[in-house]
Amino acid sequence: MGEFPNMTLVNIGYGNFVSREHIIAVIGSDTAPAKRLIGESKEAGRAIDATCGKKTLSVIITDSDHIILSALTAETLSARINAASENE
């Protein structure tokens, strides 16, 4: 199996991980613009649901124009992303 040099994975909850290098932003899911973004991305097939059936609390926006839905808060994800960059 191939290796992925310089790739740091961040735990986004329930055994799901995303590459830190591809994250552009992490936003809360409770605002009208976030809800609109989720709806548009689902319609376009660019939404990845990593909530495992839990309530969506944050939205991760990636550089590939995909969004990832997470059941963790934006604050928790931010702390994990910062911790991953410090461990590098």
PDB file of N, CA and C in Angstrom:
ATOM      1  N   MET A   1       0.837  -1.175   0.000  1.00  0.00           N
ATOM      2  CA  MET A   1       0.000   0.000   0.000  1.00  0.00           C
ATOM      3  C   MET A   1       0.883   1.239   0.000  1.00  0.00           C
ATOM      4  N   GLY A   2       0.477   2.298  -0.718  1.00  0.00           N
ATOM      5  CA  GLY A   2       1.278   3.504  -0.834  1.00  0.00           C
ATOM      6  C   GLY A   2       1.276   4.328   0.432  1.00  0.00           C
ATOM      7  N   GLU A   3       2.296   5.139   0.576  1.00  0.00           N
ATOM      8  CA  GLU A   3       2.392   6.028   1.731  1.00  0.00           C
ATOM      9  C   GLU A   3       1.965   7.428   1.334  1.00  0.00           C
ATOM     10  N   PHE A   4       1.524   8.189   2.298  1.00  0.00           N
ATOM     11  CA  PHE A   4       1.118   9.561   2.077  1.00  0.00           C
ATOM     12  C   PHE A   4       2.008  10.478   2.906  1.00  0.00           C
ATOM     13  N   PRO A   5       3.135  10.914   2.328  1.00  0.00           N
ATOM     14  CA  PRO A   5       4.032  11.780   3.102  1.00  0.00           C
ATOM     15  C   PRO A   5       3.392  13.136   3.371  1.00  0.00           C
ATOM     16  N   ASN A   6       3.741  13.713   4.489  1.00  0.00           N
ATOM     17  CA  ASN A   6       3.267  15.046   4.878  1.00  0.00           C
ATOM     18  C   ASN A   6       1.760  15.131   5.015  1.00  0.00           C
ATOM     19  N   MET A   7       1.096  14.038   5.350  1.00  0.00           N
ATOM     20  CA  MET A   7      -0.348  14.061   5.548  1.00  0.00           C
ATOM     21  C   MET A   7      -0.637  13.852   7.035  1.00  0.00           C
ATOM     22  N   THR A   8      -1.327  14.809   7.618  1.00  0.00           N
ATOM     23  CA  THR A   8      -1.720  14.713   9.015  1.00  0.00           C
ATOM     24  C   THR A   8      -3.227  14.539   9.063  1.00  0.00           C
ATOM     25  N   LEU A   9      -3.679  13.455   9.681  1.00  0.00           N
ATOM     26  CA  LEU A   9      -5.106  13.180   9.780  1.00  0.00           C
ATOM     27  C   LEU A   9      -5.653  13.715  11.098  1.00  0.00           C
ATOM     28  N   VAL A  10      -6.847  14.283  11.040  1.00  0.00           N
ATOM     29  CA  VAL A  10      -7.514  14.846  12.212  1.00  0.00           C
ATOM     30  C   VAL A  10      -8.777  14.023  12.462  1.00  0.00           C
ATOM     31  N   ASN A  11      -8.968  13.594  13.695  1.00  0.00           N
ATOM     32  CA  ASN A  11     -10.153  12.839  14.074  1.00  0.00           C
ATOM     33  C   ASN A  11     -11.346  13.792  14.133  1.00  0.00           C
ATOM     34  N   ILE A  12     -12.350  13.541  13.297  1.00  0.00           N
ATOM     35  CA  ILE A  12     -13.530  14.410  13.269  1.00  0.00           C
ATOM     36  C   ILE A  12     -14.726  13.747  13.942  1.00  0.00           C
ATOM     37  N   GLY A  13     -14.465  12.658  14.659  1.00  0.00           N
ATOM     38  CA  GLY A  13     -15.504  11.997  15.438  1.00  0.00           C
ATOM     39  C   GLY A  13     -15.920  10.657  14.886  1.00  0.00           C
ATOM     40  N   TYR A  14     -16.217   9.734  15.784  1.00  0.00           N
ATOM     41  CA  TYR A  14     -16.751   8.413  15.466  1.00  0.00           C
ATOM     42  C   TYR A  14     -15.871   7.633  14.495  1.00  0.00           C
ATOM     43  N   GLY A  15     -14.554   7.736  14.686  1.00  0.00           N
ATOM     44  CA  GLY A  15     -13.626   6.973  13.869  1.00  0.00           C
ATOM     45  C   GLY A  15     -13.431   7.515  12.466  1.00  0.00           C
ATOM     46  N   ASN A  16     -13.832   8.746  12.218  1.00  0.00           N
ATOM     47  CA  ASN A  16     -13.658   9.376  10.911  1.00  0.00           C
ATOM     48  C   ASN A  16     -12.519  10.385  10.986  1.00  0.00           C
ATOM     49  N   PHE A  17     -11.735  10.429   9.917  1.00  0.00           N
ATOM     50  CA  PHE A  17     -10.574  11.306   9.871  1.00  0.00           C
ATOM     51  C   PHE A  17     -10.566  12.083   8.562  1.00  0.00           C
ATOM     52  N   VAL A  18      -9.958  13.268   8.586  1.00  0.00           N
ATOM     53  CA  VAL A  18      -9.796  14.085   7.383  1.00  0.00           C
ATOM     54  C   VAL A  18      -8.379  14.648   7.393  1.00  0.00           C
ATOM     55  N   SER A  19      -7.817  14.831   6.222  1.00  0.00           N
ATOM     56  CA  SER A  19      -6.474  15.381   6.096  1.00  0.00           C
ATOM     57  C   SER A  19      -6.488  16.861   6.483  1.00  0.00           C
ATOM     58  N   ARG A  20      -5.660  17.219   7.442  1.00  0.00           N
ATOM     59  CA  ARG A  20      -5.587  18.604   7.917  1.00  0.00           C
ATOM     60  C   ARG A  20      -5.206  19.560   6.798  1.00  0.00           C
ATOM     61  N   GLU A  21      -4.369  19.110   5.888  1.00  0.00           N
ATOM     62  CA  GLU A  21      -3.878  19.957   4.809  1.00  0.00           C
ATOM     63  C   GLU A  21      -4.975  20.375   3.831  1.00  0.00           C
ATOM     64  N   HIS A  22      -6.096  19.669   3.807  1.00  0.00           N
ATOM     65  CA  HIS A  22      -7.171  19.964   2.865  1.00  0.00           C
ATOM     66  C   HIS A  22      -8.320  20.762   3.487  1.00  0.00           C
ATOM     67  N   ILE A  23      -8.212  21.072   4.773  1.00  0.00           N
ATOM     68  CA  ILE A  23      -9.262  21.828   5.452  1.00  0.00           C
ATOM     69  C   ILE A  23      -9.058  23.322   5.208  1.00  0.00           C
ATOM     70  N   ILE A  24     -10.116  23.970   4.720  1.00  0.00           N
ATOM     71  CA  ILE A  24     -10.075  25.423   4.525  1.00  0.00           C
ATOM     72  C   ILE A  24     -10.712  26.127   5.714  1.00  0.00           C
ATOM     73  N   ALA A  25     -11.862  25.607   6.174  1.00  0.00           N
ATOM     74  CA  ALA A  25     -12.578  26.265   7.265  1.00  0.00           C
ATOM     75  C   ALA A  25     -13.419  25.252   8.021  1.00  0.00           C
ATOM     76  N   VAL A  26     -13.721  25.583   9.269  1.00  0.00           N
ATOM     77  CA  VAL A  26     -14.654  24.817  10.094  1.00  0.00           C
ATOM     78  C   VAL A  26     -15.665  25.816  10.633  1.00  0.00           C
ATOM     79  N   ILE A  27     -16.945  25.569  10.342  1.00  0.00           N
ATOM     80  CA  ILE A  27     -17.991  26.506  10.768  1.00  0.00           C
ATOM     81  C   ILE A  27     -19.074  25.754  11.529  1.00  0.00           C
ATOM     82  N   GLY A  28     -19.786  26.472  12.366  1.00  0.00           N
ATOM     83  CA  GLY A  28     -20.937  25.900  13.055  1.00  0.00           C
ATOM     84  C   GLY A  28     -22.060  25.655  12.060  1.00  0.00           C
ATOM     85  N   SER A  29     -22.928  24.738  12.366  1.00  0.00           N
ATOM     86  CA  SER A  29     -23.986  24.358  11.420  1.00  0.00           C
ATOM     87  C   SER A  29     -25.316  25.048  11.692  1.00  0.00           C
ATOM     88  N   ASP A  30     -25.373  25.896  12.698  1.00  0.00           N
ATOM     89  CA  ASP A  30     -26.661  26.444  13.122  1.00  0.00           C
ATOM     90  C   ASP A  30     -27.067  27.746  12.434  1.00  0.00           C
ATOM     91  N   THR A  31     -26.217  28.315  11.579  1.00  0.00           N
ATOM     92  CA  THR A  31     -26.564  29.568  10.904  1.00  0.00           C
ATOM     93  C   THR A  31     -27.274  29.297   9.580  1.00  0.00           C
ATOM     94  N   ALA A  32     -28.012  30.290   9.115  1.00  0.00           N
ATOM     95  CA  ALA A  32     -28.726  30.145   7.841  1.00  0.00           C
ATOM     96  C   ALA A  32     -27.764  29.913   6.666  1.00  0.00           C
ATOM     97  N   PRO A  33     -26.633  30.643   6.578  1.00  0.00           N
ATOM     98  CA  PRO A  33     -25.708  30.378   5.470  1.00  0.00           C
ATOM     99  C   PRO A  33     -25.136  28.951   5.502  1.00  0.00           C
ATOM    100  N   ALA A  34     -24.862  28.430   6.712  1.00  0.00           N
ATOM    101  CA  ALA A  34     -24.347  27.060   6.828  1.00  0.00           C
ATOM    102  C   ALA A  34     -25.399  26.056   6.383  1.00  0.00           C
ATOM    103  N   LYS A  35     -26.628  26.270   6.784  1.00  0.00           N
ATOM    104  CA  LYS A  35     -27.710  25.366   6.375  1.00  0.00           C
ATOM    105  C   LYS A  35     -27.914  25.409   4.867  1.00  0.00           C
ATOM    106  N   ARG A  36     -27.795  26.592   4.279  1.00  0.00           N
ATOM    107  CA  ARG A  36     -27.919  26.731   2.826  1.00  0.00           C
ATOM    108  C   ARG A  36     -26.765  25.997   2.133  1.00  0.00           C
ATOM    109  N   LEU A  37     -25.547  26.141   2.664  1.00  0.00           N
ATOM    110  CA  LEU A  37     -24.382  25.459   2.116  1.00  0.00           C
ATOM    111  C   LEU A  37     -24.551  23.946   2.182  1.00  0.00           C
ATOM    112  N   ILE A  38     -25.069  23.452   3.297  1.00  0.00           N
ATOM    113  CA  ILE A  38     -25.293  22.008   3.444  1.00  0.00           C
ATOM    114  C   ILE A  38     -26.291  21.521   2.400  1.00  0.00           C
ATOM    115  N   GLY A  39     -27.408  22.238   2.261  1.00  0.00           N
ATOM    116  CA  GLY A  39     -28.432  21.843   1.296  1.00  0.00           C
ATOM    117  C   GLY A  39     -27.911  21.837  -0.126  1.00  0.00           C
ATOM    118  N   GLU A  40     -27.202  22.888  -0.514  1.00  0.00           N
ATOM    119  CA  GLU A  40     -26.655  22.987  -1.866  1.00  0.00           C
ATOM    120  C   GLU A  40     -25.626  21.887  -2.127  1.00  0.00           C
ATOM    121  N   SER A  41     -24.786  21.604  -1.136  1.00  0.00           N
ATOM    122  CA  SER A  41     -23.759  20.572  -1.302  1.00  0.00           C
ATOM    123  C   SER A  41     -24.368  19.178  -1.401  1.00  0.00           C
ATOM    124  N   LYS A  42     -25.421  18.927  -0.622  1.00  0.00           N
ATOM    125  CA  LYS A  42     -26.097  17.630  -0.715  1.00  0.00           C
ATOM    126  C   LYS A  42     -26.714  17.442  -2.092  1.00  0.00           C
ATOM    127  N   GLU A  43     -27.343  18.486  -2.624  1.00  0.00           N
ATOM    128  CA  GLU A  43     -27.953  18.411  -3.950  1.00  0.00           C
ATOM    129  C   GLU A  43     -26.911  18.161  -5.029  1.00  0.00           C
ATOM    130  N   ALA A  44     -25.725  18.752  -4.872  1.00  0.00           N
ATOM    131  CA  ALA A  44     -24.656  18.619  -5.865  1.00  0.00           C
ATOM    132  C   ALA A  44     -23.814  17.365  -5.652  1.00  0.00           C
ATOM    133  N   GLY A  45     -24.074  16.625  -4.579  1.00  0.00           N
ATOM    134  CA  GLY A  45     -23.304  15.414  -4.301  1.00  0.00           C
ATOM    135  C   GLY A  45     -21.914  15.685  -3.762  1.00  0.00           C
ATOM    136  N   ARG A  46     -21.729  16.833  -3.113  1.00  0.00           N
ATOM    137  CA  ARG A  46     -20.435  17.213  -2.570  1.00  0.00           C
ATOM    138  C   ARG A  46     -20.404  17.187  -1.043  1.00  0.00           C
ATOM    139  N   ALA A  47     -21.429  16.619  -0.429  1.00  0.00           N
ATOM    140  CA  ALA A  47     -21.495  16.554   1.036  1.00  0.00           C
ATOM    141  C   ALA A  47     -21.143  15.153   1.511  1.00  0.00           C
ATOM    142  N   ILE A  48     -20.312  15.089   2.531  1.00  0.00           N
ATOM    143  CA  ILE A  48     -19.932  13.826   3.149  1.00  0.00           C
ATOM    144  C   ILE A  48     -20.430  13.871   4.589  1.00  0.00           C
ATOM    145  N   ASP A  49     -21.315  12.943   4.930  1.00  0.00           N
ATOM    146  CA  ASP A  49     -21.899  12.915   6.266  1.00  0.00           C
ATOM    147  C   ASP A  49     -21.093  11.986   7.163  1.00  0.00           C
ATOM    148  N   ALA A  50     -20.356  12.563   8.094  1.00  0.00           N
ATOM    149  CA  ALA A  50     -19.540  11.788   9.024  1.00  0.00           C
ATOM    150  C   ALA A  50     -20.110  11.858  10.436  1.00  0.00           C
ATOM    151  N   THR A  51     -21.425  12.096  10.555  1.00  0.00           N
ATOM    152  CA  THR A  51     -22.048  12.255  11.865  1.00  0.00           C
ATOM    153  C   THR A  51     -22.483  10.935  12.490  1.00  0.00           C
ATOM    154  N   CYS A  52     -22.532   9.876  11.716  1.00  0.00           N
ATOM    155  CA  CYS A  52     -22.984   8.565  12.193  1.00  0.00           C
ATOM    156  C   CYS A  52     -24.379   8.649  12.819  1.00  0.00           C
ATOM    157  N   GLY A  53     -25.247   9.435  12.209  1.00  0.00           N
ATOM    158  CA  GLY A  53     -26.625   9.547  12.665  1.00  0.00           C
ATOM    159  C   GLY A  53     -26.864  10.538  13.783  1.00  0.00           C
ATOM    160  N   LYS A  54     -25.819  11.177  14.254  1.00  0.00           N
ATOM    161  CA  LYS A  54     -25.956  12.191  15.316  1.00  0.00           C
ATOM    162  C   LYS A  54     -26.293  13.543  14.698  1.00  0.00           C
ATOM    163  N   LYS A  55     -26.583  14.521  15.536  1.00  0.00           N
ATOM    164  CA  LYS A  55     -26.895  15.866  15.072  1.00  0.00           C
ATOM    165  C   LYS A  55     -25.632  16.528  14.509  1.00  0.00           C
ATOM    166  N   THR A  56     -25.775  17.194  13.376  1.00  0.00           N
ATOM    167  CA  THR A  56     -24.656  17.921  12.777  1.00  0.00           C
ATOM    168  C   THR A  56     -24.400  19.194  13.576  1.00  0.00           C
ATOM    169  N   LEU A  57     -23.181  19.319  14.106  1.00  0.00           N
ATOM    170  CA  LEU A  57     -22.819  20.496  14.891  1.00  0.00           C
ATOM    171  C   LEU A  57     -21.822  21.395  14.175  1.00  0.00           C
ATOM    172  N   SER A  58     -21.095  20.845  13.189  1.00  0.00           N
ATOM    173  CA  SER A  58     -20.135  21.667  12.456  1.00  0.00           C
ATOM    174  C   SER A  58     -19.987  21.171  11.028  1.00  0.00           C
ATOM    175  N   VAL A  59     -19.477  22.076  10.201  1.00  0.00           N
ATOM    176  CA  VAL A  59     -19.271  21.798   8.787  1.00  0.00           C
ATOM    177  C   VAL A  59     -17.809  22.089   8.471  1.00  0.00           C
ATOM    178  N   ILE A  60     -17.141  21.110   7.874  1.00  0.00           N
ATOM    179  CA  ILE A  60     -15.750  21.268   7.463  1.00  0.00           C
ATOM    180  C   ILE A  60     -15.758  21.540   5.962  1.00  0.00           C
ATOM    181  N   ILE A  61     -15.144  22.632   5.558  1.00  0.00           N
ATOM    182  CA  ILE A  61     -15.057  22.984   4.143  1.00  0.00           C
ATOM    183  C   ILE A  61     -13.660  22.628   3.663  1.00  0.00           C
ATOM    184  N   THR A  62     -13.584  21.875   2.555  1.00  0.00           N
ATOM    185  CA  THR A  62     -12.297  21.414   2.046  1.00  0.00           C
ATOM    186  C   THR A  62     -11.899  22.150   0.774  1.00  0.00           C
ATOM    187  N   ASP A  63     -10.640  22.004   0.406  1.00  0.00           N
ATOM    188  CA  ASP A  63     -10.132  22.655  -0.799  1.00  0.00           C
ATOM    189  C   ASP A  63     -10.628  22.012  -2.086  1.00  0.00           C
ATOM    190  N   SER A  64     -11.295  20.866  -1.993  1.00  0.00           N
ATOM    191  CA  SER A  64     -11.840  20.199  -3.180  1.00  0.00           C
ATOM    192  C   SER A  64     -13.308  20.580  -3.400  1.00  0.00           C
ATOM    193  N   ASP A  65     -13.779  21.595  -2.672  1.00  0.00           N
ATOM    194  CA  ASP A  65     -15.160  22.085  -2.766  1.00  0.00           C
ATOM    195  C   ASP A  65     -16.170  21.088  -2.206  1.00  0.00           C
ATOM    196  N   HIS A  66     -15.704  20.165  -1.364  1.00  0.00           N
ATOM    197  CA  HIS A  66     -16.591  19.262  -0.640  1.00  0.00           C
ATOM    198  C   HIS A  66     -16.805  19.827   0.753  1.00  0.00           C
ATOM    199  N   ILE A  67     -17.883  19.402   1.387  1.00  0.00           N
ATOM    200  CA  ILE A  67     -18.076  19.714   2.796  1.00  0.00           C
ATOM    201  C   ILE A  67     -18.225  18.396   3.545  1.00  0.00           C
ATOM    202  N   ILE A  68     -17.787  18.396   4.786  1.00  0.00           N
ATOM    203  CA  ILE A  68     -17.886  17.218   5.634  1.00  0.00           C
ATOM    204  C   ILE A  68     -18.678  17.627   6.864  1.00  0.00           C
ATOM    205  N   LEU A  69     -19.746  16.887   7.145  1.00  0.00           N
ATOM    206  CA  LEU A  69     -20.592  17.164   8.301  1.00  0.00           C
ATOM    207  C   LEU A  69     -20.067  16.377   9.495  1.00  0.00           C
ATOM    208  N   SER A  70     -19.928  17.048  10.629  1.00  0.00           N
ATOM    209  CA  SER A  70     -19.401  16.409  11.830  1.00  0.00           C
ATOM    210  C   SER A  70     -20.337  16.624  13.008  1.00  0.00           C
ATOM    211  N   ALA A  71     -20.356  15.650  13.915  1.00  0.00           N
ATOM    212  CA  ALA A  71     -21.163  15.744  15.121  1.00  0.00           C
ATOM    213  C   ALA A  71     -20.393  16.427  16.254  1.00  0.00           C
ATOM    214  N   LEU A  72     -19.156  16.826  15.997  1.00  0.00           N
ATOM    215  CA  LEU A  72     -18.375  17.550  16.991  1.00  0.00           C
ATOM    216  C   LEU A  72     -18.548  19.053  16.765  1.00  0.00           C
ATOM    217  N   THR A  73     -18.352  19.828  17.810  1.00  0.00           N
ATOM    218  CA  THR A  73     -18.476  21.280  17.674  1.00  0.00           C
ATOM    219  C   THR A  73     -17.272  21.838  16.918  1.00  0.00           C
ATOM    220  N   ALA A  74     -17.452  23.023  16.364  1.00  0.00           N
ATOM    221  CA  ALA A  74     -16.361  23.691  15.651  1.00  0.00           C
ATOM    222  C   ALA A  74     -15.185  23.952  16.595  1.00  0.00           C
ATOM    223  N   GLU A  75     -15.468  24.256  17.850  1.00  0.00           N
ATOM    224  CA  GLU A  75     -14.404  24.509  18.825  1.00  0.00           C
ATOM    225  C   GLU A  75     -13.576  23.257  19.077  1.00  0.00           C
ATOM    226  N   THR A  76     -14.235  22.112  19.213  1.00  0.00           N
ATOM    227  CA  THR A  76     -13.532  20.851  19.432  1.00  0.00           C
ATOM    228  C   THR A  76     -12.663  20.513  18.224  1.00  0.00           C
ATOM    229  N   LEU A  77     -13.216  20.667  17.026  1.00  0.00           N
ATOM    230  CA  LEU A  77     -12.445  20.387  15.815  1.00  0.00           C
ATOM    231  C   LEU A  77     -11.265  21.336  15.684  1.00  0.00           C
ATOM    232  N   SER A  78     -11.468  22.602  16.012  1.00  0.00           N
ATOM    233  CA  SER A  78     -10.378  23.577  15.948  1.00  0.00           C
ATOM    234  C   SER A  78      -9.239  23.172  16.870  1.00  0.00           C
ATOM    235  N   ALA A  79      -9.561  22.738  18.062  1.00  0.00           N
ATOM    236  CA  ALA A  79      -8.530  22.303  19.011  1.00  0.00           C
ATOM    237  C   ALA A  79      -7.776  21.089  18.477  1.00  0.00           C
ATOM    238  N   ARG A  80      -8.492  20.160  17.857  1.00  0.00           N
ATOM    239  CA  ARG A  80      -7.847  18.965  17.311  1.00  0.00           C
ATOM    240  C   ARG A  80      -6.957  19.313  16.121  1.00  0.00           C
ATOM    241  N   ILE A  81      -7.412  20.242  15.296  1.00  0.00           N
ATOM    242  CA  ILE A  81      -6.619  20.665  14.134  1.00  0.00           C
ATOM    243  C   ILE A  81      -5.343  21.366  14.609  1.00  0.00           C
ATOM    244  N   ASN A  82      -5.485  22.237  15.607  1.00  0.00           N
ATOM    245  CA  ASN A  82      -4.309  22.935  16.150  1.00  0.00           C
ATOM    246  C   ASN A  82      -3.354  21.964  16.815  1.00  0.00           C
ATOM    247  N   ALA A  83      -3.859  20.973  17.523  1.00  0.00           N
ATOM    248  CA  ALA A  83      -3.007  19.977  18.158  1.00  0.00           C
ATOM    249  C   ALA A  83      -2.261  19.163  17.110  1.00  0.00           C
ATOM    250  N   ALA A  84      -2.924  18.854  16.003  1.00  0.00           N
ATOM    251  CA  ALA A  84      -2.285  18.095  14.934  1.00  0.00           C
ATOM    252  C   ALA A  84      -1.158  18.892  14.301  1.00  0.00           C
ATOM    253  N   SER A  85      -1.330  20.200  14.162  1.00  0.00           N
ATOM    254  CA  SER A  85      -0.282  21.018  13.555  1.00  0.00           C
ATOM    255  C   SER A  85       0.896  21.205  14.518  1.00  0.00           C
ATOM    256  N   GLU A  86       0.636  21.200  15.820  1.00  0.00           N
ATOM    257  CA  GLU A  86       1.712  21.314  16.809  1.00  0.00           C
ATOM    258  C   GLU A  86       2.540  20.042  16.870  1.00  0.00           C
ATOM    259  N   ASN A  87       1.917  18.892  16.629  1.00  0.00           N
ATOM    260  CA  ASN A  87       2.630  17.610  16.682  1.00  0.00           C
ATOM    261  C   ASN A  87       3.473  17.351  15.450  1.00  0.00           C
ATOM    262  N   GLU A  88       3.340  18.173  14.460  1.00  0.00           N
ATOM    263  CA  GLU A  88       4.051  17.981  13.202  1.00  0.00           C
ATOM    264  C   GLU A  88       5.517  18.226  13.323  1.00  0.00           C
TER     265      GLU A  88
END
